Amino acid sequence: MVRAKGGSVTASDSGRGLQSSCVRLRLEQADGHEFASGTIIDSRPGRSIVLTCGHLFRNYHPRGKTGRPVGATGPGGRLIVDVFDGRRSTSFSGRLLGHDVESDVGLVEIVSRSLLPVARIADPVSRLSAGQRLISFGCNGGDQPTRELVTVTRLNRYLGPDNVECTGVPLQGRSGGGLLNAAGRVVGVCFAADPTYQRGLYAGLRPIHDLLARCRLTSL
């Protein structure tokens, strides 16, 4: 199993609208940078929330106002979130709200004056099944967002927090991208590729809701 390095939505929204909720994350640190993907799950004047993967922040120590890392001795890092409008993008500074490395989900906040396209989180009682068709969004190699049609092959193939296995092998940079159902609701987060079985792996819905609760964002 290999970690892949790194649209407001209703059932009537077009694929392009959903794709607009997909963002690119850039984690810049002293030893280089890493790309990932994310999904805007809430937006209001002054604040938007992005759902992404957790492993991006395994060694992340944000810089404080003085440029020194907060609560860490290692080199500071800079988190940038790129929001796309067609071929153009706008960059925002990101602030990590919380993450879980085991379930591989994370939440990031950006300061946005205007409302941004959103893909809502599915209800916690929503269920997936083998054979179900879904849509995966992400930024291959740090490029602009693309959409891919995938099919659920197995649920909870791996031990630990809920996980979803789907057809297709996510490319690097696609980690953190959203997995959406036919109603345009987020039901998973891409976190790895399994080259042995030629499958993509996604964090399930329960870990997403658990992190929202931990960050006091259950209203989302």
N, C-alpha and C. Protein backbone atom coordinates (compact mmCIF):
# COMPACT_ATOMS: atom_id res chain seq x y z
N MET A 1 0.86 -1.19 0.00
CA MET A 1 0.00 0.00 0.00
C MET A 1 0.89 1.23 0.00
N VAL A 2 0.65 2.17 -0.90
CA VAL A 2 1.48 3.36 -1.05
C VAL A 2 0.63 4.59 -0.82
N ARG A 3 1.10 5.47 0.05
CA ARG A 3 0.40 6.72 0.27
C ARG A 3 0.55 7.60 -0.96
N ALA A 4 -0.56 8.15 -1.45
CA ALA A 4 -0.48 9.09 -2.56
C ALA A 4 -0.04 10.43 -2.00
N LYS A 5 1.13 10.92 -2.42
CA LYS A 5 1.64 12.18 -1.91
C LYS A 5 0.82 13.32 -2.52
N GLY A 6 1.03 13.41 -1.86
CA GLY A 6 0.23 14.40 -2.22
C GLY A 6 -0.06 14.82 -2.84
N GLY A 7 -19.23 20.63 -5.33
CA GLY A 7 -19.12 21.81 -5.61
C GLY A 7 -20.41 22.29 -4.96
N SER A 8 -21.87 25.77 -3.28
CA SER A 8 -22.79 24.93 -2.48
C SER A 8 -23.43 23.87 -3.37
N VAL A 9 -23.56 22.61 -2.91
CA VAL A 9 -23.87 21.49 -3.78
C VAL A 9 -25.26 20.93 -3.49
N THR A 10 -26.00 20.69 -4.55
CA THR A 10 -27.25 19.95 -4.45
C THR A 10 -27.20 18.86 -5.52
N ALA A 11 -28.21 18.00 -5.51
CA ALA A 11 -28.22 16.90 -6.48
C ALA A 11 -28.30 17.41 -7.91
N SER A 12 -28.77 18.63 -8.11
CA SER A 12 -28.93 19.15 -9.46
C SER A 12 -27.70 19.89 -9.96
N ASP A 13 -26.66 20.05 -9.12
CA ASP A 13 -25.46 20.76 -9.55
C ASP A 13 -24.74 19.98 -10.63
N SER A 14 -24.06 20.70 -11.52
CA SER A 14 -23.29 20.05 -12.57
C SER A 14 -21.97 19.55 -12.02
N GLY A 15 -21.30 18.66 -12.78
CA GLY A 15 -19.99 18.17 -12.37
C GLY A 15 -19.00 19.29 -12.23
N ARG A 16 -19.11 20.32 -13.07
CA ARG A 16 -18.19 21.45 -12.98
C ARG A 16 -18.37 22.17 -11.64
N GLY A 17 -19.60 22.30 -11.17
CA GLY A 17 -19.84 22.95 -9.88
C GLY A 17 -19.20 22.16 -8.75
N LEU A 18 -19.33 20.84 -8.81
CA LEU A 18 -18.70 20.00 -7.80
C LEU A 18 -17.19 20.12 -7.86
N GLN A 19 -16.65 20.14 -9.05
CA GLN A 19 -15.20 20.22 -9.21
C GLN A 19 -14.65 21.52 -8.66
N SER A 20 -15.45 22.59 -8.68
CA SER A 20 -15.00 23.88 -8.16
C SER A 20 -14.78 23.86 -6.66
N SER A 21 -15.35 22.88 -5.97
CA SER A 21 -15.13 22.77 -4.52
C SER A 21 -13.81 22.08 -4.19
N CYS A 22 -13.15 21.51 -5.20
CA CYS A 22 -11.88 20.82 -5.01
C CYS A 22 -10.74 21.84 -5.03
N VAL A 23 -9.86 21.79 -4.06
CA VAL A 23 -8.75 22.73 -3.95
C VAL A 23 -7.42 21.98 -3.92
N ARG A 24 -6.35 22.74 -4.13
CA ARG A 24 -4.99 22.19 -4.03
C ARG A 24 -4.33 22.73 -2.77
N LEU A 25 -3.69 21.85 -2.03
CA LEU A 25 -2.93 22.26 -0.85
C LEU A 25 -1.44 22.15 -1.15
N ARG A 26 -0.68 23.16 -0.72
CA ARG A 26 0.77 23.16 -0.87
C ARG A 26 1.39 23.35 0.51
N LEU A 27 2.11 22.35 0.95
CA LEU A 27 2.80 22.43 2.23
C LEU A 27 4.27 22.72 1.95
N GLU A 28 4.71 23.94 2.29
CA GLU A 28 6.08 24.38 2.00
C GLU A 28 6.88 24.38 3.29
N GLN A 29 7.97 23.59 3.30
CA GLN A 29 8.84 23.52 4.46
C GLN A 29 10.29 23.67 4.01
N ALA A 30 11.19 23.74 4.97
CA ALA A 30 12.59 24.01 4.66
C ALA A 30 13.19 22.95 3.75
N ASP A 31 12.72 21.71 3.85
CA ASP A 31 13.30 20.62 3.07
C ASP A 31 12.54 20.33 1.78
N GLY A 32 11.63 21.24 1.39
CA GLY A 32 10.91 21.07 0.14
C GLY A 32 9.42 21.33 0.31
N HIS A 33 8.65 20.91 -0.67
CA HIS A 33 7.20 21.12 -0.61
C HIS A 33 6.47 19.85 -1.02
N GLU A 34 5.20 19.80 -0.64
CA GLU A 34 4.37 18.64 -0.95
C GLU A 34 2.99 19.12 -1.36
N PHE A 35 2.41 18.45 -2.37
CA PHE A 35 1.08 18.78 -2.84
C PHE A 35 0.06 17.78 -2.31
N ALA A 36 -1.15 18.26 -2.10
CA ALA A 36 -2.28 17.40 -1.76
C ALA A 36 -3.54 18.07 -2.31
N SER A 37 -4.67 17.42 -2.10
CA SER A 37 -5.95 17.95 -2.55
C SER A 37 -6.88 18.11 -1.36
N GLY A 38 -7.99 18.79 -1.57
CA GLY A 38 -8.96 18.98 -0.50
C GLY A 38 -10.31 19.36 -1.06
N THR A 39 -11.31 19.42 -0.19
CA THR A 39 -12.67 19.78 -0.58
C THR A 39 -13.20 20.84 0.36
N ILE A 40 -13.72 21.93 -0.19
CA ILE A 40 -14.36 22.96 0.63
C ILE A 40 -15.70 22.42 1.10
N ILE A 41 -15.88 22.27 2.41
CA ILE A 41 -17.11 21.69 2.94
C ILE A 41 -18.00 22.72 3.63
N ASP A 42 -17.48 23.94 3.79
CA ASP A 42 -18.30 25.01 4.38
C ASP A 42 -17.67 26.34 4.00
N SER A 43 -18.50 27.33 3.67
CA SER A 43 -17.99 28.65 3.33
C SER A 43 -19.00 29.71 3.75
N ARG A 44 -18.47 30.72 4.41
CA ARG A 44 -19.26 31.87 4.82
C ARG A 44 -18.33 33.08 4.82
N PRO A 45 -18.88 34.30 4.77
CA PRO A 45 -18.00 35.47 4.72
C PRO A 45 -16.98 35.46 5.86
N GLY A 46 -15.70 35.47 5.49
CA GLY A 46 -14.64 35.51 6.49
C GLY A 46 -14.01 34.17 6.81
N ARG A 47 -14.63 33.05 6.39
CA ARG A 47 -14.08 31.75 6.74
C ARG A 47 -14.61 30.64 5.84
N SER A 48 -13.71 29.76 5.42
CA SER A 48 -14.10 28.55 4.71
C SER A 48 -13.32 27.38 5.30
N ILE A 49 -13.94 26.20 5.28
CA ILE A 49 -13.34 25.00 5.86
C ILE A 49 -13.05 23.98 4.76
N VAL A 50 -11.84 23.43 4.79
CA VAL A 50 -11.40 22.45 3.79
C VAL A 50 -11.16 21.11 4.46
N LEU A 51 -11.71 20.07 3.88
CA LEU A 51 -11.48 18.69 4.33
C LEU A 51 -10.37 18.10 3.48
N THR A 52 -9.38 17.45 4.10
CA THR A 52 -8.27 16.88 3.37
C THR A 52 -7.76 15.63 4.09
N CYS A 53 -6.58 15.14 3.69
CA CYS A 53 -6.00 13.97 4.34
C CYS A 53 -5.22 14.38 5.59
N GLY A 54 -4.94 13.41 6.46
CA GLY A 54 -4.22 13.69 7.69
C GLY A 54 -2.72 13.51 7.59
N HIS A 55 -2.25 12.59 6.71
CA HIS A 55 -0.81 12.31 6.69
C HIS A 55 0.01 13.47 6.17
N LEU A 56 -0.62 14.43 5.50
CA LEU A 56 0.09 15.62 5.05
C LEU A 56 0.71 16.38 6.21
N PHE A 57 0.10 16.26 7.40
CA PHE A 57 0.53 17.06 8.56
C PHE A 57 1.30 16.25 9.59
N ARG A 58 1.79 15.08 9.19
CA ARG A 58 2.49 14.22 10.15
C ARG A 58 3.68 14.94 10.78
N ASN A 59 4.43 15.69 9.99
CA ASN A 59 5.61 16.42 10.50
C ASN A 59 5.46 17.92 10.34
N TYR A 60 4.21 18.39 10.31
CA TYR A 60 3.95 19.81 10.06
C TYR A 60 3.97 20.61 11.35
N HIS A 61 4.76 21.69 11.34
CA HIS A 61 4.81 22.61 12.48
C HIS A 61 4.62 24.02 11.93
N PRO A 62 3.41 24.59 12.09
CA PRO A 62 3.15 25.92 11.52
C PRO A 62 4.02 26.99 12.14
N ARG A 63 4.34 28.00 11.34
CA ARG A 63 5.12 29.13 11.83
C ARG A 63 4.24 30.04 12.66
N GLY A 64 4.80 30.58 13.73
CA GLY A 64 4.10 31.58 14.53
C GLY A 64 4.31 32.95 13.93
N LYS A 65 3.88 33.99 14.60
CA LYS A 65 3.99 35.35 14.07
C LYS A 65 5.45 35.77 13.91
N THR A 66 6.33 35.18 14.69
CA THR A 66 7.74 35.54 14.60
C THR A 66 8.46 34.74 13.52
N GLY A 67 7.75 33.79 12.88
CA GLY A 67 8.37 32.95 11.88
C GLY A 67 8.89 31.66 12.47
N ARG A 68 8.87 31.54 13.80
CA ARG A 68 9.31 30.31 14.44
C ARG A 68 8.14 29.34 14.57
N PRO A 69 8.41 28.06 14.55
CA PRO A 69 7.33 27.08 14.66
C PRO A 69 6.63 27.17 16.01
N VAL A 70 5.34 26.88 16.01
CA VAL A 70 4.54 26.93 17.23
C VAL A 70 4.63 25.59 17.94
N GLY A 71 5.16 25.59 19.14
CA GLY A 71 5.21 24.37 19.93
C GLY A 71 6.08 23.29 19.34
N ALA A 72 7.11 23.66 18.59
CA ALA A 72 7.98 22.66 17.99
C ALA A 72 9.38 23.23 17.85
N THR A 73 10.36 22.35 17.70
CA THR A 73 11.74 22.77 17.56
C THR A 73 12.24 22.63 16.14
N GLY A 74 11.50 21.92 15.30
CA GLY A 74 11.91 21.72 13.91
C GLY A 74 11.62 22.94 13.07
N PRO A 75 11.96 22.89 11.76
CA PRO A 75 11.72 24.03 10.87
C PRO A 75 10.23 24.29 10.69
N GLY A 76 9.87 25.56 10.59
CA GLY A 76 8.47 25.92 10.41
C GLY A 76 7.98 25.60 9.01
N GLY A 77 6.67 25.53 8.83
CA GLY A 77 6.09 25.21 7.53
C GLY A 77 5.03 26.24 7.17
N ARG A 78 4.75 26.31 5.88
CA ARG A 78 3.74 27.24 5.37
C ARG A 78 2.73 26.44 4.58
N LEU A 79 1.46 26.61 4.91
CA LEU A 79 0.37 25.88 4.26
C LEU A 79 -0.41 26.84 3.36
N ILE A 80 -0.47 26.52 2.07
CA ILE A 80 -1.16 27.34 1.09
C ILE A 80 -2.30 26.53 0.48
N VAL A 81 -3.46 27.17 0.34
CA VAL A 81 -4.62 26.54 -0.29
C VAL A 81 -4.96 27.31 -1.55
N ASP A 82 -4.96 26.63 -2.69
CA ASP A 82 -5.27 27.25 -3.98
C ASP A 82 -6.69 26.89 -4.39
N VAL A 83 -7.53 27.91 -4.55
CA VAL A 83 -8.92 27.73 -4.98
C VAL A 83 -9.02 28.10 -6.45
N PHE A 84 -9.64 27.24 -7.24
CA PHE A 84 -9.67 27.42 -8.69
C PHE A 84 -11.01 27.98 -9.16
N ASP A 85 -10.91 28.87 -10.17
CA ASP A 85 -12.07 29.40 -10.87
C ASP A 85 -11.76 29.26 -12.35
N GLY A 86 -12.14 28.12 -12.90
CA GLY A 86 -11.71 27.82 -14.26
C GLY A 86 -10.23 27.51 -14.25
N ARG A 87 -9.47 28.19 -15.10
CA ARG A 87 -8.03 27.97 -15.16
C ARG A 87 -7.27 28.90 -14.21
N ARG A 88 -7.97 29.84 -13.61
CA ARG A 88 -7.32 30.75 -12.66
C ARG A 88 -7.41 30.19 -11.25
N SER A 89 -6.48 30.62 -10.41
CA SER A 89 -6.51 30.18 -9.02
C SER A 89 -6.20 31.35 -8.10
N THR A 90 -6.76 31.29 -6.90
CA THR A 90 -6.49 32.28 -5.86
C THR A 90 -5.90 31.54 -4.67
N SER A 91 -4.83 32.08 -4.12
CA SER A 91 -4.12 31.42 -3.02
C SER A 91 -4.49 32.03 -1.67
N PHE A 92 -4.68 31.16 -0.69
CA PHE A 92 -5.00 31.56 0.67
C PHE A 92 -4.03 30.88 1.63
N SER A 93 -3.72 31.56 2.72
CA SER A 93 -2.96 30.91 3.79
C SER A 93 -3.89 29.99 4.56
N GLY A 94 -3.44 28.78 4.81
CA GLY A 94 -4.27 27.81 5.52
C GLY A 94 -3.85 27.67 6.98
N ARG A 95 -4.83 27.40 7.82
CA ARG A 95 -4.57 27.14 9.24
C ARG A 95 -5.14 25.77 9.60
N LEU A 96 -4.28 24.91 10.11
CA LEU A 96 -4.71 23.56 10.47
C LEU A 96 -5.61 23.61 11.70
N LEU A 97 -6.82 23.06 11.56
CA LEU A 97 -7.77 23.01 12.67
C LEU A 97 -7.62 21.72 13.47
N GLY A 98 -7.30 20.64 12.77
CA GLY A 98 -7.15 19.34 13.43
C GLY A 98 -6.93 18.26 12.40
N HIS A 99 -6.30 17.17 12.83
CA HIS A 99 -6.10 16.05 11.92
C HIS A 99 -5.94 14.77 12.72
N ASP A 100 -6.14 13.66 12.06
CA ASP A 100 -5.98 12.34 12.65
C ASP A 100 -5.17 11.50 11.68
N VAL A 101 -3.96 11.12 12.09
CA VAL A 101 -3.07 10.37 11.21
C VAL A 101 -3.58 8.95 10.98
N GLU A 102 -4.17 8.33 12.00
CA GLU A 102 -4.61 6.95 11.88
C GLU A 102 -5.74 6.80 10.86
N SER A 103 -6.76 7.65 10.97
CA SER A 103 -7.86 7.58 10.01
C SER A 103 -7.56 8.37 8.74
N ASP A 104 -6.53 9.22 8.81
CA ASP A 104 -6.02 9.99 7.67
C ASP A 104 -7.00 11.03 7.15
N VAL A 105 -7.53 11.85 8.05
CA VAL A 105 -8.36 12.97 7.67
C VAL A 105 -7.86 14.23 8.38
N GLY A 106 -8.09 15.39 7.77
CA GLY A 106 -7.66 16.65 8.36
C GLY A 106 -8.61 17.77 7.97
N LEU A 107 -8.59 18.84 8.76
CA LEU A 107 -9.42 20.01 8.50
C LEU A 107 -8.56 21.26 8.52
N VAL A 108 -8.77 22.12 7.52
CA VAL A 108 -7.99 23.35 7.37
C VAL A 108 -8.95 24.52 7.20
N GLU A 109 -8.60 25.65 7.78
CA GLU A 109 -9.40 26.87 7.66
C GLU A 109 -8.66 27.90 6.83
N ILE A 110 -9.40 28.59 5.94
CA ILE A 110 -8.84 29.72 5.21
C ILE A 110 -9.75 30.93 5.42
N VAL A 111 -9.17 32.12 5.33
CA VAL A 111 -9.92 33.36 5.45
C VAL A 111 -10.34 33.80 4.05
N SER A 112 -11.62 33.70 3.77
CA SER A 112 -12.15 34.04 2.45
C SER A 112 -13.26 35.06 2.60
N ARG A 113 -13.11 36.20 1.98
CA ARG A 113 -14.13 37.25 2.11
C ARG A 113 -15.42 36.89 1.39
N SER A 114 -15.30 36.21 0.26
CA SER A 114 -16.49 35.84 -0.52
C SER A 114 -16.83 34.38 -0.29
N LEU A 115 -18.04 34.00 -0.67
CA LEU A 115 -18.47 32.61 -0.56
C LEU A 115 -17.81 31.77 -1.65
N LEU A 116 -17.38 30.57 -1.29
CA LEU A 116 -16.73 29.68 -2.23
C LEU A 116 -17.61 28.46 -2.49
N PRO A 117 -17.43 27.78 -3.64
CA PRO A 117 -18.23 26.58 -3.93
C PRO A 117 -18.00 25.50 -2.86
N VAL A 118 -19.07 24.85 -2.46
CA VAL A 118 -19.03 23.91 -1.34
C VAL A 118 -19.62 22.57 -1.74
N ALA A 119 -19.02 21.49 -1.22
CA ALA A 119 -19.60 20.14 -1.29
C ALA A 119 -19.88 19.70 0.14
N ARG A 120 -21.12 19.48 0.45
CA ARG A 120 -21.51 19.16 1.83
C ARG A 120 -21.15 17.73 2.21
N ILE A 121 -20.95 17.52 3.51
CA ILE A 121 -20.68 16.19 4.04
C ILE A 121 -21.98 15.39 4.08
N ALA A 122 -21.91 14.12 3.70
CA ALA A 122 -23.09 13.26 3.76
C ALA A 122 -23.50 13.01 5.20
N ASP A 123 -24.77 12.71 5.40
CA ASP A 123 -25.29 12.41 6.72
C ASP A 123 -24.56 11.19 7.29
N PRO A 124 -24.30 11.17 8.61
CA PRO A 124 -23.54 10.05 9.19
C PRO A 124 -24.20 8.69 9.02
N VAL A 125 -25.49 8.65 8.77
CA VAL A 125 -26.16 7.35 8.60
C VAL A 125 -26.12 6.87 7.15
N SER A 126 -25.50 7.66 6.26
CA SER A 126 -25.41 7.25 4.86
C SER A 126 -24.58 5.98 4.74
N ARG A 127 -24.93 5.12 3.81
CA ARG A 127 -24.25 3.84 3.64
C ARG A 127 -23.77 3.68 2.20
N LEU A 128 -22.59 3.08 2.06
CA LEU A 128 -22.07 2.73 0.75
C LEU A 128 -22.18 1.22 0.57
N SER A 129 -22.11 0.78 -0.68
CA SER A 129 -22.18 -0.65 -0.95
C SER A 129 -21.28 -0.98 -2.13
N ALA A 130 -20.77 -2.20 -2.17
CA ALA A 130 -19.94 -2.65 -3.28
C ALA A 130 -20.71 -2.52 -4.59
N GLY A 131 -20.04 -2.01 -5.60
CA GLY A 131 -20.67 -1.80 -6.89
C GLY A 131 -21.23 -0.41 -7.08
N GLN A 132 -21.27 0.39 -6.02
CA GLN A 132 -21.82 1.74 -6.11
C GLN A 132 -20.87 2.65 -6.87
N ARG A 133 -21.41 3.48 -7.77
CA ARG A 133 -20.61 4.41 -8.55
C ARG A 133 -20.46 5.72 -7.79
N LEU A 134 -19.24 6.24 -7.75
CA LEU A 134 -18.94 7.48 -7.05
C LEU A 134 -18.04 8.35 -7.92
N ILE A 135 -17.82 9.60 -7.47
CA ILE A 135 -16.94 10.52 -8.18
C ILE A 135 -15.79 10.92 -7.27
N SER A 136 -14.58 10.83 -7.80
CA SER A 136 -13.39 11.24 -7.06
C SER A 136 -12.83 12.51 -7.68
N PHE A 137 -12.53 13.50 -6.83
CA PHE A 137 -11.92 14.75 -7.28
C PHE A 137 -10.54 14.90 -6.67
N GLY A 138 -9.60 15.45 -7.43
CA GLY A 138 -8.26 15.65 -6.89
C GLY A 138 -7.35 16.32 -7.89
N CYS A 139 -6.14 16.67 -7.43
CA CYS A 139 -5.16 17.41 -8.23
C CYS A 139 -3.96 16.52 -8.51
N ASN A 140 -3.97 15.88 -9.65
CA ASN A 140 -2.87 14.97 -10.01
C ASN A 140 -1.55 15.72 -10.10
N GLY A 141 -0.58 15.32 -9.30
CA GLY A 141 0.74 15.94 -9.36
C GLY A 141 0.74 17.42 -9.07
N GLY A 142 -0.26 17.92 -8.38
CA GLY A 142 -0.34 19.34 -8.08
C GLY A 142 -0.93 20.17 -9.21
N ASP A 143 -1.52 19.51 -10.21
CA ASP A 143 -2.16 20.23 -11.32
C ASP A 143 -3.57 20.69 -10.91
N GLN A 144 -4.32 21.22 -11.87
CA GLN A 144 -5.69 21.64 -11.61
C GLN A 144 -6.56 20.42 -11.29
N PRO A 145 -7.66 20.63 -10.59
CA PRO A 145 -8.53 19.51 -10.20
C PRO A 145 -9.13 18.79 -11.42
N THR A 146 -9.26 17.49 -11.27
CA THR A 146 -9.94 16.68 -12.27
C THR A 146 -10.91 15.74 -11.56
N ARG A 147 -11.85 15.22 -12.32
CA ARG A 147 -12.82 14.27 -11.77
C ARG A 147 -12.61 12.91 -12.39
N GLU A 148 -12.85 11.88 -11.59
CA GLU A 148 -12.75 10.51 -12.07
C GLU A 148 -13.94 9.71 -11.54
N LEU A 149 -14.53 8.91 -12.41
CA LEU A 149 -15.61 8.03 -12.01
C LEU A 149 -15.00 6.73 -11.47
N VAL A 150 -15.41 6.33 -10.26
CA VAL A 150 -14.88 5.12 -9.64
C VAL A 150 -16.04 4.26 -9.14
N THR A 151 -15.72 3.02 -8.82
CA THR A 151 -16.71 2.09 -8.31
C THR A 151 -16.22 1.49 -7.01
N VAL A 152 -17.08 1.41 -6.00
CA VAL A 152 -16.72 0.80 -4.72
C VAL A 152 -16.49 -0.69 -4.94
N THR A 153 -15.33 -1.20 -4.49
CA THR A 153 -15.04 -2.62 -4.63
C THR A 153 -15.14 -3.36 -3.30
N ARG A 154 -14.66 -2.73 -2.21
CA ARG A 154 -14.77 -3.35 -0.89
C ARG A 154 -14.86 -2.28 0.18
N LEU A 155 -15.51 -2.62 1.28
CA LEU A 155 -15.60 -1.73 2.43
C LEU A 155 -14.79 -2.33 3.57
N ASN A 156 -13.98 -1.48 4.24
CA ASN A 156 -13.18 -1.88 5.40
C ASN A 156 -12.29 -3.09 5.10
N ARG A 157 -11.62 -3.04 3.95
CA ARG A 157 -10.68 -4.11 3.60
C ARG A 157 -9.51 -4.13 4.59
N TYR A 158 -9.16 -2.95 5.12
CA TYR A 158 -8.02 -2.83 6.01
C TYR A 158 -8.47 -2.57 7.44
N LEU A 159 -7.72 -3.09 8.41
CA LEU A 159 -8.04 -2.90 9.82
C LEU A 159 -7.92 -1.43 10.20
N GLY A 160 -8.61 -1.06 11.28
CA GLY A 160 -8.55 0.32 11.74
C GLY A 160 -9.82 1.07 11.41
N PRO A 161 -9.73 2.41 11.34
CA PRO A 161 -10.91 3.23 11.06
C PRO A 161 -11.55 2.87 9.72
N ASP A 162 -12.83 3.21 9.58
CA ASP A 162 -13.57 2.89 8.37
C ASP A 162 -12.82 3.33 7.12
N ASN A 163 -12.76 2.46 6.12
CA ASN A 163 -12.09 2.78 4.87
C ASN A 163 -12.86 2.19 3.70
N VAL A 164 -12.69 2.81 2.54
CA VAL A 164 -13.41 2.43 1.33
C VAL A 164 -12.40 2.16 0.23
N GLU A 165 -12.53 1.02 -0.44
CA GLU A 165 -11.67 0.69 -1.57
C GLU A 165 -12.46 0.87 -2.86
N CYS A 166 -11.84 1.55 -3.84
CA CYS A 166 -12.51 1.82 -5.11
C CYS A 166 -11.59 1.47 -6.28
N THR A 167 -12.18 1.34 -7.45
CA THR A 167 -11.40 1.11 -8.66
C THR A 167 -10.53 2.33 -8.94
N GLY A 168 -9.45 2.10 -9.71
CA GLY A 168 -8.55 3.20 -10.07
C GLY A 168 -7.40 3.33 -9.08
N VAL A 169 -6.29 3.89 -9.55
CA VAL A 169 -5.11 4.09 -8.72
C VAL A 169 -4.82 5.59 -8.66
N PRO A 170 -5.11 6.26 -7.55
CA PRO A 170 -4.88 7.70 -7.44
C PRO A 170 -3.41 8.07 -7.64
N LEU A 171 -3.15 9.12 -8.39
CA LEU A 171 -1.80 9.60 -8.61
C LEU A 171 -1.34 10.47 -7.43
N GLN A 172 -0.03 10.69 -7.33
CA GLN A 172 0.49 11.56 -6.28
C GLN A 172 -0.13 12.95 -6.41
N GLY A 173 -0.44 13.56 -5.28
CA GLY A 173 -1.10 14.86 -5.27
C GLY A 173 -2.60 14.76 -5.11
N ARG A 174 -3.13 13.55 -5.31
CA ARG A 174 -4.59 13.37 -5.22
C ARG A 174 -5.04 13.07 -3.79
N SER A 175 -4.10 12.76 -2.90
CA SER A 175 -4.46 12.53 -1.50
C SER A 175 -5.20 13.73 -0.93
N GLY A 176 -6.26 13.47 -0.18
CA GLY A 176 -7.05 14.54 0.41
C GLY A 176 -8.26 14.91 -0.42
N GLY A 177 -8.29 14.47 -1.68
CA GLY A 177 -9.43 14.77 -2.54
C GLY A 177 -10.69 14.07 -2.08
N GLY A 178 -11.82 14.66 -2.38
CA GLY A 178 -13.09 14.13 -1.91
C GLY A 178 -13.64 13.01 -2.77
N LEU A 179 -14.34 12.11 -2.13
CA LEU A 179 -15.10 11.04 -2.78
C LEU A 179 -16.57 11.39 -2.59
N LEU A 180 -17.30 11.61 -3.68
CA LEU A 180 -18.67 12.11 -3.62
C LEU A 180 -19.66 11.12 -4.21
N ASN A 181 -20.87 11.11 -3.64
CA ASN A 181 -21.93 10.24 -4.17
C ASN A 181 -22.74 10.97 -5.24
N ALA A 182 -23.75 10.31 -5.77
CA ALA A 182 -24.55 10.87 -6.87
C ALA A 182 -25.30 12.12 -6.46
N ALA A 183 -25.52 12.30 -5.16
CA ALA A 183 -26.22 13.50 -4.67
C ALA A 183 -25.26 14.66 -4.45
N GLY A 184 -23.97 14.46 -4.74
CA GLY A 184 -23.00 15.54 -4.55
C GLY A 184 -22.54 15.70 -3.12
N ARG A 185 -22.69 14.67 -2.30
CA ARG A 185 -22.27 14.71 -0.91
C ARG A 185 -20.96 13.96 -0.71
N VAL A 186 -20.11 14.50 0.15
CA VAL A 186 -18.81 13.88 0.43
C VAL A 186 -19.00 12.65 1.30
N VAL A 187 -18.46 11.51 0.84
CA VAL A 187 -18.58 10.26 1.60
C VAL A 187 -17.22 9.65 1.91
N GLY A 188 -16.14 10.30 1.49
CA GLY A 188 -14.82 9.77 1.75
C GLY A 188 -13.72 10.74 1.37
N VAL A 189 -12.49 10.40 1.78
CA VAL A 189 -11.31 11.23 1.49
C VAL A 189 -10.19 10.31 1.00
N CYS A 190 -9.63 10.61 -0.15
CA CYS A 190 -8.54 9.81 -0.70
C CYS A 190 -7.31 9.90 0.19
N PHE A 191 -6.68 8.74 0.49
CA PHE A 191 -5.45 8.79 1.27
C PHE A 191 -4.35 7.87 0.77
N ALA A 192 -4.62 6.95 -0.14
CA ALA A 192 -3.57 6.04 -0.59
C ALA A 192 -3.96 5.33 -1.87
N ALA A 193 -2.93 4.73 -2.49
CA ALA A 193 -3.12 3.86 -3.64
C ALA A 193 -2.55 2.49 -3.31
N ASP A 194 -3.23 1.45 -3.74
CA ASP A 194 -2.76 0.09 -3.52
C ASP A 194 -2.38 -0.50 -4.88
N PRO A 195 -1.08 -0.46 -5.23
CA PRO A 195 -0.67 -0.95 -6.56
C PRO A 195 -0.85 -2.45 -6.73
N THR A 196 -0.86 -3.21 -5.64
CA THR A 196 -1.02 -4.65 -5.74
C THR A 196 -2.38 -5.01 -6.32
N TYR A 197 -3.42 -4.37 -5.80
CA TYR A 197 -4.78 -4.66 -6.26
C TYR A 197 -5.29 -3.62 -7.27
N GLN A 198 -4.42 -2.64 -7.60
CA GLN A 198 -4.81 -1.57 -8.53
C GLN A 198 -6.08 -0.88 -8.05
N ARG A 199 -6.02 -0.41 -6.81
CA ARG A 199 -7.18 0.22 -6.19
C ARG A 199 -6.80 1.53 -5.51
N GLY A 200 -7.80 2.37 -5.29
CA GLY A 200 -7.64 3.58 -4.51
C GLY A 200 -8.28 3.39 -3.15
N LEU A 201 -7.68 3.98 -2.12
CA LEU A 201 -8.18 3.83 -0.75
C LEU A 201 -8.63 5.18 -0.21
N TYR A 202 -9.76 5.16 0.50
CA TYR A 202 -10.39 6.39 0.98
C TYR A 202 -10.81 6.22 2.44
N ALA A 203 -10.61 7.27 3.23
CA ALA A 203 -11.15 7.28 4.59
C ALA A 203 -12.66 7.32 4.49
N GLY A 204 -13.33 6.57 5.36
CA GLY A 204 -14.79 6.49 5.32
C GLY A 204 -15.46 7.69 5.98
N LEU A 205 -16.78 7.64 6.01
CA LEU A 205 -17.57 8.76 6.50
C LEU A 205 -17.47 8.92 8.02
N ARG A 206 -17.39 7.82 8.77
CA ARG A 206 -17.33 7.92 10.23
C ARG A 206 -16.11 8.71 10.71
N PRO A 207 -14.89 8.45 10.21
CA PRO A 207 -13.74 9.25 10.64
C PRO A 207 -13.90 10.75 10.35
N ILE A 208 -14.57 11.07 9.25
CA ILE A 208 -14.81 12.48 8.93
C ILE A 208 -15.69 13.12 9.99
N HIS A 209 -16.78 12.46 10.33
CA HIS A 209 -17.69 13.01 11.34
C HIS A 209 -17.03 13.03 12.72
N ASP A 210 -16.18 12.06 13.02
CA ASP A 210 -15.47 12.07 14.30
C ASP A 210 -14.55 13.28 14.41
N LEU A 211 -13.85 13.61 13.32
CA LEU A 211 -12.96 14.78 13.36
C LEU A 211 -13.76 16.08 13.44
N LEU A 212 -14.88 16.15 12.73
CA LEU A 212 -15.74 17.33 12.83
C LEU A 212 -16.19 17.54 14.27
N ALA A 213 -16.55 16.46 14.94
CA ALA A 213 -16.98 16.55 16.34
C ALA A 213 -15.83 17.01 17.23
N ARG A 214 -14.64 16.48 16.98
CA ARG A 214 -13.48 16.85 17.78
C ARG A 214 -13.14 18.33 17.63
N CYS A 215 -13.39 18.87 16.43
CA CYS A 215 -13.10 20.28 16.15
C CYS A 215 -14.32 21.16 16.39
N ARG A 216 -15.36 20.59 17.00
CA ARG A 216 -16.58 21.34 17.32
C ARG A 216 -17.23 21.94 16.07
N LEU A 217 -17.31 21.12 15.03
CA LEU A 217 -17.89 21.54 13.77
C LEU A 217 -19.00 20.59 13.34
N THR A 218 -19.71 20.04 14.30
CA THR A 218 -20.76 19.07 13.98
C THR A 218 -21.90 19.69 13.17
N SER A 219 -22.03 21.01 13.21
CA SER A 219 -23.09 21.66 12.44
C SER A 219 -22.88 21.50 10.95
N LEU A 220 -21.66 21.17 10.54
CA LEU A 220 -21.38 20.99 9.12
C LEU A 220 -21.85 19.63 8.61
